[in-house]
Every structure is written in C-alpha cells, then in structure tokens.
Protein backbone atom coordinates (compact mmCIF):
# COMPACT_ATOMS: atom_id res chain seq x y z
CA MET A 1 8.48 -14.70 17.37
CA LYS A 2 11.76 -13.37 16.08
CA THR A 3 13.32 -9.89 15.98
CA LEU A 4 13.83 -8.79 12.46
CA PHE A 5 15.23 -5.38 11.44
CA GLY A 6 14.90 -4.31 15.10
CA GLN A 7 11.22 -5.33 15.62
CA PRO A 8 9.77 -8.36 17.28
CA SER A 9 7.74 -10.08 14.58
CA HIS A 10 5.27 -12.98 14.15
CA LEU A 11 6.42 -15.47 11.38
CA ILE A 12 4.31 -17.51 9.06
CA CYS A 13 5.36 -19.50 5.99
CA THR A 14 4.72 -22.05 3.30
CA LYS A 15 7.30 -23.45 0.89
CA GLU A 16 6.51 -20.39 -1.30
CA VAL A 17 6.24 -17.58 1.02
CA GLN A 18 7.99 -16.56 4.17
CA ALA A 19 6.37 -13.55 5.95
CA ALA A 20 6.98 -11.45 9.09
CA VAL A 21 4.50 -9.24 10.85
CA THR A 22 5.65 -6.76 13.39
CA ALA A 23 3.93 -6.86 16.81
CA THR A 24 4.08 -3.00 16.82
CA GLY A 25 1.95 -1.67 14.00
CA GLY A 26 1.31 -4.97 12.25
CA HIS A 27 3.68 -4.07 9.37
CA LEU A 28 4.06 -7.03 6.90
CA ALA A 29 7.78 -7.26 6.10
CA PRO A 30 10.19 -8.69 5.19
CA VAL A 31 8.42 -11.13 2.93
CA THR A 32 10.34 -13.65 0.74
CA PHE A 33 8.70 -15.33 -2.27
CA ALA A 34 10.21 -18.41 -3.76
CA LEU A 35 10.11 -18.32 -7.56
CA PRO A 36 11.77 -20.89 -9.87
CA GLY A 37 15.50 -20.79 -9.15
CA ARG A 38 15.44 -17.60 -6.95
CA ARG A 39 13.89 -15.71 -4.11
CA VAL A 40 12.60 -12.18 -4.21
CA GLN A 41 11.87 -9.64 -1.50
CA PRO A 42 9.65 -6.83 -2.91
CA PHE A 43 9.10 -4.79 0.12
CA ALA A 44 11.12 -1.91 1.64
CA VAL A 45 12.36 -1.53 5.18
CA ALA A 46 13.25 2.00 6.30
CA PRO A 47 17.08 2.39 6.50
CA TRP A 48 16.91 3.78 10.06
CA TRP A 49 15.60 0.55 11.72
CA ARG A 50 18.67 0.03 13.78
CA GLU A 51 18.90 3.68 14.94
CA GLN A 52 17.74 5.15 18.19
CA LEU A 53 15.14 7.81 17.23
CA PRO A 54 13.77 10.57 19.59
CA ALA A 55 11.02 9.32 21.89
CA SER A 56 8.61 11.65 20.20
CA THR A 57 8.91 9.79 16.79
CA PRO A 58 5.63 8.02 15.97
CA ALA A 59 5.88 4.31 16.19
CA ILE A 60 4.92 4.04 12.54
CA LEU A 61 8.22 5.77 11.50
CA LYS A 62 10.23 3.55 13.95
CA VAL A 63 8.87 0.36 12.33
CA LEU A 64 8.17 1.56 8.80
CA ARG A 65 8.23 -1.41 6.32
CA GLY A 66 6.21 -3.44 3.83
CA ASP A 67 2.40 -3.31 4.02
CA PHE A 68 0.21 -2.19 6.91
CA PHE A 69 -3.34 -1.29 7.56
CA CYS A 70 -4.34 2.37 8.12
CA ALA A 71 -7.44 3.44 9.95
CA PRO A 72 -7.78 6.31 9.58
CA PHE A 73 -5.45 6.65 6.61
CA GLY A 74 -3.28 9.66 7.22
CA GLY A 75 -4.42 10.05 10.80
CA GLY A 76 -6.05 13.48 11.44
CA ASN A 77 -8.72 14.82 13.78
CA TRP A 78 -12.53 14.46 13.88
CA ARG A 79 -14.96 15.51 16.46
CA GLY A 80 -12.51 15.26 19.28
CA GLU A 81 -10.69 12.25 17.97
CA LYS A 82 -6.96 12.86 17.67
CA HIS A 83 -5.46 10.16 15.59
CA VAL A 84 -1.72 9.42 15.18
CA PRO A 85 -0.37 9.27 11.60
CA HIS A 86 -2.23 6.41 9.79
CA GLY A 87 -4.05 5.47 12.96
CA GLU A 88 -3.58 3.12 15.92
CA THR A 89 -3.61 0.12 13.43
CA ALA A 90 -0.29 1.20 12.07
CA ASN A 91 1.25 2.33 15.45
CA SER A 92 -0.02 0.22 18.40
CA ARG A 93 0.94 -3.24 19.60
CA TRP A 94 -1.31 -6.01 18.33
CA HIS A 95 -2.52 -9.03 20.39
CA ARG A 96 -1.98 -12.46 19.00
CA GLU A 97 -5.20 -14.41 19.04
CA GLU A 98 -4.29 -17.52 17.02
CA GLN A 99 -1.39 -18.64 14.88
CA THR A 100 -0.56 -21.72 12.77
CA LYS A 101 2.35 -22.26 10.47
CA SER A 102 0.66 -20.32 7.58
CA THR A 103 -2.00 -18.16 9.21
CA LEU A 104 -2.04 -15.44 11.74
CA HIS A 105 -4.87 -13.72 13.60
CA LEU A 106 -4.08 -10.63 15.54
CA SER A 107 -6.42 -8.08 17.26
CA LEU A 108 -6.24 -4.52 18.46
CA GLN A 109 -8.59 -2.77 20.97
CA THR A 110 -8.58 0.89 19.73
CA LYS A 111 -8.70 3.75 22.21
CA VAL A 112 -9.11 6.97 20.18
CA ARG A 113 -12.33 5.55 18.67
CA ARG A 114 -13.22 2.67 20.93
CA GLY A 115 -13.63 -0.50 18.96
CA ARG A 116 -11.80 -3.53 17.74
CA VAL A 117 -9.81 -4.46 14.68
CA ASP A 118 -9.08 -8.09 13.78
CA LYS A 119 -6.22 -8.78 11.40
CA ARG A 120 -6.05 -12.09 9.57
CA ILE A 121 -3.21 -13.06 7.23
CA VAL A 122 -3.28 -16.29 5.20
CA LEU A 123 -0.79 -18.01 3.09
CA VAL A 124 -1.90 -20.89 0.88
CA PRO A 125 0.45 -23.77 0.07
CA GLY A 126 1.19 -23.93 -3.63
CA GLN A 127 0.59 -20.07 -4.14
CA THR A 128 2.82 -17.02 -4.10
CA MET A 129 -0.02 -14.98 -2.66
CA ILE A 130 -0.68 -13.26 0.66
CA TYR A 131 -4.44 -12.82 1.71
CA GLN A 132 -5.29 -10.15 4.30
CA GLU A 133 -8.60 -9.39 6.01
CA HIS A 134 -9.24 -6.65 8.47
CA THR A 135 -12.55 -6.47 10.24
CA ILE A 136 -13.55 -3.37 12.22
CA SER A 137 -16.22 -3.91 14.81
CA GLY A 138 -17.82 -1.78 17.57
CA MET A 139 -17.31 1.59 15.93
CA ASN A 140 -19.67 4.31 14.71
CA GLY A 141 -18.88 7.13 12.30
CA PRO A 142 -16.84 7.95 9.23
CA MET A 143 -13.53 6.25 8.54
CA CYS A 144 -10.98 6.72 5.74
CA LEU A 145 -8.84 3.58 5.49
CA GLY A 146 -6.40 1.61 3.28
CA HIS A 147 -3.50 -0.59 2.86
CA HIS A 148 0.05 0.88 2.64
CA ALA A 149 2.13 -1.50 0.49
CA THR A 150 5.64 -0.02 0.19
CA LEU A 151 8.00 -1.51 -2.48
CA LYS A 152 11.76 -1.25 -2.80
CA PHE A 153 12.80 -0.99 -6.44
CA ALA A 154 15.90 -2.77 -6.38
CA SER A 155 15.88 -2.72 -10.24
CA ALA A 156 13.80 -0.70 -12.74
CA GLY A 157 10.05 -1.37 -12.55
CA ARG A 158 7.04 -0.63 -14.88
CA LEU A 159 3.83 0.28 -13.20
CA SER A 160 0.23 -0.27 -14.61
CA THR A 161 -3.20 -0.47 -13.19
CA SER A 162 -6.77 -1.52 -14.11
CA ALA A 163 -9.06 0.95 -15.76
CA ARG A 164 -9.22 4.31 -14.14
CA ILE A 165 -11.57 7.17 -14.04
CA LEU A 166 -9.12 9.77 -12.57
CA GLY A 167 -5.34 10.46 -12.06
CA GLN A 168 -4.39 13.46 -10.16
CA VAL A 169 -1.36 14.81 -8.29
CA ALA A 170 -1.82 15.79 -4.69
CA PRO A 171 -3.48 19.24 -4.66
CA GLU A 172 -0.89 20.75 -2.33
CA PRO A 173 2.88 20.52 -2.43
CA VAL A 174 3.97 17.32 -0.59
CA GLU A 175 7.15 18.93 0.72
CA ASP A 176 8.35 22.52 1.51
CA PRO A 177 11.85 23.52 0.71
CA VAL A 178 11.99 25.74 3.66
CA LYS A 179 11.76 22.55 5.78
CA ARG A 180 14.26 20.93 3.53
CA GLY A 181 11.82 18.78 1.56
CA TYR A 182 11.32 18.78 -2.23
CA SER A 183 8.61 17.85 -4.69
CA ILE A 184 8.53 18.13 -8.40
CA LEU A 185 5.01 17.23 -9.72
CA GLN A 186 2.57 20.02 -10.43
CA PRO A 187 0.17 20.26 -7.42
CA GLY A 188 -3.40 19.32 -8.44
CA ALA A 189 -2.54 18.41 -12.04
CA VAL A 190 -5.06 15.95 -13.53
CA PHE A 191 -3.78 13.38 -15.94
CA ASP A 192 -4.99 10.38 -18.16
CA ASP A 193 -1.67 8.94 -19.03
CA LEU A 194 0.83 7.83 -16.38
CA ALA A 195 3.57 8.48 -18.83
CA SER A 196 2.85 12.17 -19.18
CA VAL A 197 2.26 13.99 -15.96
CA PRO A 198 2.94 17.72 -15.47
CA THR A 199 5.95 19.04 -13.27
CA ILE A 200 6.54 22.34 -11.71
CA THR A 201 9.18 22.98 -14.47
CA GLY A 202 6.61 22.95 -17.25
CA ALA A 203 7.88 19.62 -18.56
CA THR A 204 6.12 16.21 -18.08
CA THR A 205 7.49 13.10 -16.45
CA ASP A 206 6.64 9.33 -16.64
CA LEU A 207 5.18 7.90 -13.44
CA SER A 208 4.93 4.45 -14.92
CA GLN A 209 8.71 4.05 -14.80
CA TYR A 210 10.60 3.88 -11.49
CA PRO A 211 13.02 4.69 -9.96
CA ASN A 212 12.63 8.13 -11.39
CA ARG A 213 12.97 11.80 -10.18
CA ARG A 214 15.85 11.34 -7.73
CA GLY A 215 15.82 13.99 -5.06
CA PHE A 216 12.04 14.40 -4.88
CA GLU A 217 9.09 13.26 -2.87
CA ASP A 218 5.70 13.17 -4.58
CA ILE A 219 2.23 11.79 -4.35
CA ALA A 220 -0.56 11.08 -6.83
CA ILE A 221 -3.84 9.21 -6.67
CA LEU A 222 -5.34 6.88 -9.29
CA VAL A 223 -9.12 6.30 -8.93
CA ALA A 224 -10.25 2.83 -10.19
CA ASP A 225 -13.34 2.49 -12.40
CA PRO A 226 -16.07 1.52 -9.87
CA ARG A 227 -17.66 -0.82 -12.43
CA LEU A 228 -14.77 -3.21 -12.15
CA GLU A 229 -15.38 -6.50 -10.26
CA LEU A 230 -11.83 -6.33 -9.13
CA ALA A 231 -9.28 -3.61 -9.50
CA TRP A 232 -5.51 -4.42 -9.67
CA THR A 233 -2.13 -2.70 -9.54
CA ALA A 234 0.99 -4.36 -11.02
CA VAL A 235 4.68 -3.64 -11.16
CA THR A 236 6.84 -5.53 -13.60
CA PHE A 237 10.56 -5.92 -12.85
CA PRO A 238 11.87 -7.12 -16.11
CA ALA A 239 15.46 -7.57 -15.01
CA GLU A 240 14.34 -9.85 -12.18
CA GLU A 241 11.63 -11.53 -14.33
CA TYR A 242 8.72 -11.21 -11.97
CA VAL A 243 5.61 -9.11 -11.37
CA TRP A 244 4.22 -7.89 -8.05
CA PHE A 245 0.46 -7.26 -8.05
CA SER A 246 -2.45 -6.52 -5.76
CA LEU A 247 -6.09 -7.25 -6.04
CA ARG A 248 -9.05 -5.53 -4.30
CA ASP A 249 -12.77 -4.68 -4.49
CA PRO A 250 -12.95 -1.09 -5.75
CA GLN A 251 -16.16 -0.54 -3.86
CA VAL A 252 -14.20 -1.09 -0.57
CA LEU A 253 -10.73 0.39 -1.59
CA VAL A 254 -11.58 2.96 -4.20
CA SER A 255 -8.22 4.48 -5.14
CA THR A 256 -4.52 3.82 -5.31
CA LEU A 257 -2.11 6.36 -3.79
CA MET A 258 1.25 6.57 -5.32
CA TRP A 259 3.90 7.66 -2.80
CA MET A 260 7.04 8.15 -4.81
CA SER A 261 9.84 8.50 -2.16
CA ASN A 262 13.20 9.04 -3.72
CA GLY A 263 15.50 11.14 -1.45
CA GLY A 264 13.36 14.37 -1.34
CA ARG A 265 13.27 14.54 2.47
CA HIS A 266 16.49 15.90 3.95
CA TYR A 267 15.18 16.06 7.50
CA SER A 268 15.44 13.39 10.10
CA PRO A 269 14.99 10.53 10.11
CA TRP A 270 14.82 10.49 6.28
CA ASN A 271 18.01 12.44 5.54
CA SER A 272 17.79 12.01 1.82
CA ARG A 273 18.39 8.25 2.17
CA HIS A 274 14.89 6.86 1.75
CA VAL A 275 15.39 6.21 -2.10
CA ASP A 276 14.05 4.01 -4.81
CA VAL A 277 10.87 3.36 -2.75
CA MET A 278 7.14 3.63 -3.98
CA GLY A 279 4.10 3.13 -1.91
CA LEU A 280 1.19 1.63 -3.91
CA GLU A 281 -1.50 2.22 -1.31
CA ASP A 282 -5.03 1.05 -1.93
CA LEU A 283 -7.37 3.10 -0.03
CA THR A 284 -10.64 5.04 0.34
CA ALA A 285 -9.52 8.46 1.42
CA PHE A 286 -8.81 12.05 0.26
CA PHE A 287 -5.19 11.50 -0.65
CA HIS A 288 -3.07 11.43 2.66
CA TYR A 289 -4.76 14.26 4.25
CA GLY A 290 -6.43 12.31 7.07
CA LEU A 291 -9.92 11.80 8.44
CA ASP A 292 -11.10 15.30 8.83
CA ARG A 293 -10.43 16.31 5.18
CA SER A 294 -11.65 12.90 3.87
CA VAL A 295 -15.01 13.47 5.63
CA ALA A 296 -15.38 17.21 4.53
CA LYS A 297 -16.25 18.28 1.07
CA ASN A 298 -13.14 17.84 -0.97
CA GLY A 299 -11.75 17.66 -4.50
CA LEU A 300 -12.51 14.03 -4.94
CA SER A 301 -15.95 13.84 -3.30
CA GLN A 302 -17.02 16.73 -5.35
CA ARG A 303 -16.40 14.59 -8.41
CA GLY A 304 -18.57 11.80 -6.83
CA ILE A 305 -15.59 9.66 -5.61
CA LYS A 306 -15.96 8.09 -2.22
CA THR A 307 -13.31 9.20 0.31
CA PHE A 308 -14.58 7.54 3.55
CA HIS A 309 -16.83 4.71 4.65
CA THR A 310 -19.39 4.97 7.46
CA LEU A 311 -18.93 2.40 10.28
CA SER A 312 -21.76 1.15 12.42
CA THR A 313 -21.78 -0.78 15.60
CA LYS A 314 -24.62 -2.82 14.26
CA ARG A 315 -22.29 -4.42 11.56
CA PRO A 316 -18.68 -5.20 11.28
CA PHE A 317 -16.85 -3.75 8.25
CA THR A 318 -14.44 -5.93 6.46
CA VAL A 319 -11.63 -5.04 4.12
CA LYS A 320 -10.18 -7.81 2.05
CA TYR A 321 -6.96 -7.51 0.07
CA ALA A 322 -4.58 -9.87 -1.76
CA MET A 323 -1.16 -9.49 -3.24
CA GLY A 324 1.57 -11.57 -4.62
CA VAL A 325 4.15 -12.23 -7.19
CA VAL A 326 4.40 -14.32 -10.38
CA ALA A 327 7.50 -15.22 -12.46
CA VAL A 328 7.32 -13.91 -15.99
CA PRO A 329 9.25 -14.88 -19.14
CA LYS A 330 12.24 -12.91 -20.49
CA GLY A 331 10.99 -9.83 -22.50
CA PHE A 332 7.82 -9.47 -20.36
CA ASN A 333 7.32 -5.71 -19.94
CA ARG A 334 4.50 -3.63 -18.59
CA VAL A 335 1.33 -5.50 -17.65
CA ARG A 336 -1.40 -4.59 -20.09
CA GLU A 337 -4.25 -6.74 -18.82
CA LEU A 338 -4.99 -9.08 -15.91
CA VAL A 339 -7.53 -11.76 -16.59
CA THR A 340 -9.25 -13.72 -13.90
CA GLY A 341 -11.01 -17.11 -14.01
CA ASP A 342 -10.99 -20.77 -12.61
CA ASN A 343 -9.09 -19.51 -9.52
CA LYS A 344 -6.20 -18.18 -11.41
CA VAL A 345 -4.85 -14.96 -12.65
CA THR A 346 -3.18 -14.43 -16.10
CA LEU A 347 -1.08 -11.39 -16.71
CA ILE A 348 -0.68 -10.20 -20.32
CA SER A 349 2.12 -7.79 -21.19
CA ASP A 350 2.28 -5.12 -23.80
CA SER A 351 4.68 -7.50 -25.75
CA GLY A 352 2.00 -10.15 -25.78
CA GLN A 353 3.59 -12.60 -23.25
CA GLN A 354 1.57 -14.22 -20.58
CA ALA A 355 2.13 -15.41 -17.07
CA THR A 356 -0.40 -17.34 -14.89
CA THR A 357 -0.57 -17.95 -11.16
CA PRO A 358 -3.20 -19.61 -8.79
CA VAL A 359 -5.28 -17.16 -6.79
CA ASN A 360 -8.37 -17.74 -4.58
CA LEU A 361 -10.53 -15.36 -6.32
CA GLY A 362 -13.73 -16.25 -4.40
CA TRP A 363 -12.12 -15.19 -1.09
CA LEU A 364 -11.78 -11.63 -2.44
CA LYS A 365 -15.59 -11.44 -3.32
C-alpha cells in the first residue's frame, strides 16, 4: 500500500494501467493509462484532499476521487435503515482478501443492512481496460446502486452514449442560492437531444460539450434502451487524442447520471473550486435521491423504468462494469457508434474515423 493524495491505497498495475484503490471507501484513483507516446489520467481527485475537514464530514467527501461503488446510491433511509451518502460501500474501510500485481479482491461487512460486499478489480496485460465486479450477499430487500465514475476535464470533451429512451434533468433544483449553491438547468426538463437542454433562463444549453456552464452544479439522467445487449458512455478528448468509455449491462445498471460540477457550490469544502468535473455514474436509482425515494413510486418508475433491485439472501447479486481508454487519430470527434465483436471494441466518430481496442466482452455478459 501507498498513501496517495492523503489516502492509504492499494496498488495494482500492468504495463498499460497503474491503478490505486483507497482503503477507505474503495475509491479507484488515481489511474494512469499508458497510450502511445503519452500517459493519461482521466479521473478527478477532490482539491481538498490535503485539508483537515471537520470530524462530521462524511468519509466519502474526505476521500472523493475517481470511481466508487454506491449501495445505496445517494444513501437515504428505509424501514429503520439510515444510510450515509452513497452507502457504506463508498465510506467504510474495506478489508483486503487477496491481491496480485494486477488483481485486487476487497470485502466489506456492512452494518446498516447486514451483509457482505466483495469488490474485485482486474487489469489485463495488453489492455487499457479496468474490470470491476461487486457481489452483494446476505442481504434482503430493495437496493438502488451504481458506479460513480468522476472525470476531470483537463481539456474540452465531447460526450455521447448508446441509444436512450429518456433524458431528464433532476426534477428538483440541485442547489439552493440561499445556501450558496447554484444550478442552471430547468428542473424536470425532458430532452431527446443532449445538445439542446432547457435552462432556467429560457435558453437551451449543450450537455454534450464540457467544460460548460462555469459557476453551476447540475444533474441529469440518461436512461439506456433496455433492449441493448451492452450500454456505453464515451467522452472524446480531441486535444489529447483519446476516448474514455464505460460498458455495462443495461438490465443491471439502467441509467447514467450526469453530475456536472463546475464551481456551483460556494460552501465548504467545495468553496467554488471543484471545477471542470463531470460524474458519469452508471446506476439503477431515482436520480441521486437515495433508497427511500428510489423504492417509492417516482417519476421514473411511473414510466416503467427500474429504480432499484430486490436483493435476496438466497442468491448473491453481482454488478459488472468495465471502463477504459483508447487512443484515437487526429480529428476524431464525438463517438457516434460503438461496435463490439471478437473481444474488441471499435469506436466510430461523427467524422467517420475509427479506433479499436481489445476488451474481454464475455466477462461483461
């Protein structure tokens, strides 16, 4: 283990990927990917990592970085269960079960709802991919859950996804000016086109280009077409000539939550300095509102969209998730299509250019 950005972290690596996983919360970052002639680090680390925060600050905020597993996503209460923000999985200390140079197995005995979560992270030599598997066992009852991949946009990025059946802004204002927080998207607005989303000013804005809307904190959800075998999310960084992308089963992780954090929180510890960050959070939940509201009838479930899974002590529940990067040629812009086959993924841009990378597709299925 090594202390990185203030947190004791487990390290795994191949020639292509170096990854750190915090002992507290199991946050995956920093991660360095080796591409031809350069190295890239897509994930954000909160700027207050070296500061002494108040003892009452949730562990998730003290650690905040990269990707982490949330169960329940958003936290919340349910029948006497009082969950911390994004659950024990994102806040508690994980126990190391087994580790090799390129694999890591951690476990967590949960207390709020007694059970066990096993986290397995695998790197594959010759690939710029990270494979994650979380298995929940010994639990009964509903659970909203998801991954919380948080990217730092060091340069301009272009976002795209696989086919969607719904795009919607969070139905309630994300921030309150009285509490020194600011949002600009029109609460509850439904949209088909990422490039034309209503704001509270009456104008529209483009969510597919980021950084954007400096001084605001906003959230929207993108619901994948459930007929897809695999759903994907991708961000092209043209200046750096690479794409970050994630892959998932849309029956397990139904939606992608866009958390656009660009200096809209003026209260501690954010202090308007958490900028150019976007969470692309693949989940099954009712936005970020937590377990109780995900289980109750809500605006998504009324549309027939799943917002929680039902866990049983009789069978473990497994969530698989893959993400990685691929180098792209100069001029490669927004990803239009992602094609899978023969254990590889080919990304095709609006400009017609292509980039291919090896991926263990069978593992995801």
